[in-house]
């Protein structure tokens, strides 16, 4: 006979599954947000935008993190 806790635990993700889901979600959403931000931004040089898009496409997670740490500061202000 199954215990009540065994019945409640069926189908619930454990630590490994939750970590996997977070990594996959982070790996999909972060690059999309980065590309949308790059597309809507203006940079000092036109080639900078293309370079950032290529970096985010070919290295989605690391490229997105690098963009938000370094490339975000390269954008022109809308006031300029």
Protein backbone atom coordinates (compact mmCIF):
# COMPACT_ATOMS: atom_id res chain seq x y z
CA UNK A 1 0.00 0.00 0.00
CA UNK A 2 1.37 3.42 -0.99
CA UNK A 3 1.85 6.09 1.59
CA UNK A 4 0.21 9.48 1.20
CA UNK A 5 3.60 11.20 0.75
CA UNK A 6 4.47 8.81 -2.08
CA UNK A 7 1.27 9.77 -3.87
CA UNK A 8 1.94 13.48 -3.44
CA UNK A 9 5.54 13.18 -4.71
CA UNK A 10 4.58 11.55 -8.02
CA UNK A 11 5.31 13.92 -10.87
CA UNK A 12 6.87 16.68 -8.80
CA UNK A 13 10.25 17.82 -10.09
CA UNK A 14 13.27 17.47 -7.84
CA UNK A 15 16.30 19.72 -7.48
CA UNK A 16 17.97 18.55 -10.70
CA UNK A 17 14.86 19.01 -12.80
CA UNK A 18 14.16 22.47 -11.39
CA UNK A 19 17.74 23.55 -12.11
CA UNK A 20 17.44 22.20 -15.66
CA UNK A 21 14.17 24.08 -16.21
CA UNK A 22 15.70 27.32 -14.90
CA UNK A 23 18.77 26.99 -17.13
CA UNK A 24 16.65 26.29 -20.21
CA UNK A 25 14.28 29.17 -19.42
CA UNK A 26 17.19 31.51 -18.71
CA UNK A 27 18.89 30.37 -21.93
CA UNK A 28 15.83 31.18 -24.02
CA UNK A 29 14.48 34.37 -22.44
CA UNK A 30 17.75 36.25 -21.82
CA UNK A 31 18.95 36.15 -25.47
CA UNK A 32 15.50 37.21 -26.71
CA UNK A 33 15.49 40.19 -24.34
CA UNK A 34 19.04 41.07 -25.39
CA UNK A 35 18.25 40.95 -29.13
CA UNK A 36 15.12 43.06 -28.65
CA UNK A 37 17.17 45.60 -26.69
CA UNK A 38 19.93 45.63 -29.31
CA UNK A 39 17.43 46.03 -32.15
CA UNK A 40 15.79 49.03 -30.52
CA UNK A 41 19.03 50.75 -29.55
CA UNK A 42 21.28 53.11 -31.44
CA UNK A 43 25.03 52.74 -31.17
CA UNK A 44 27.85 55.11 -32.09
CA UNK A 45 28.94 52.83 -34.94
CA UNK A 46 26.54 50.85 -37.13
CA UNK A 47 28.70 47.74 -37.07
CA UNK A 48 28.41 47.55 -33.27
CA UNK A 49 24.75 46.54 -33.48
CA UNK A 50 25.52 43.73 -35.94
CA UNK A 51 28.44 42.57 -33.81
CA UNK A 52 26.30 42.36 -30.64
CA UNK A 53 23.54 40.47 -32.45
CA UNK A 54 26.10 37.96 -33.76
CA UNK A 55 27.62 37.51 -30.30
CA UNK A 56 24.21 36.91 -28.72
CA UNK A 57 23.17 34.46 -31.46
CA UNK A 58 26.37 32.39 -31.42
CA UNK A 59 26.85 32.41 -27.62
CA UNK A 60 23.34 32.98 -26.26
CA UNK A 61 23.79 32.90 -22.50
CA UNK A 62 27.34 34.22 -22.19
CA UNK A 63 26.87 36.68 -25.05
CA UNK A 64 23.72 38.09 -23.45
CA UNK A 65 25.39 38.48 -20.09
CA UNK A 66 28.40 40.21 -21.70
CA UNK A 67 26.07 42.49 -23.65
CA UNK A 68 24.20 43.58 -20.52
CA UNK A 69 27.48 44.13 -18.66
CA UNK A 70 29.50 45.86 -21.41
CA UNK A 71 27.43 46.57 -24.51
CA UNK A 72 24.55 48.19 -22.68
CA UNK A 73 26.86 51.10 -21.84
CA UNK A 74 27.78 51.55 -25.53
CA UNK A 75 24.26 52.62 -26.47
CA UNK A 76 23.56 56.24 -27.30
CA UNK A 77 21.16 58.11 -25.06
CA UNK A 78 17.88 59.11 -26.69
CA UNK A 79 18.62 62.71 -25.64
CA UNK A 80 21.72 62.85 -27.89
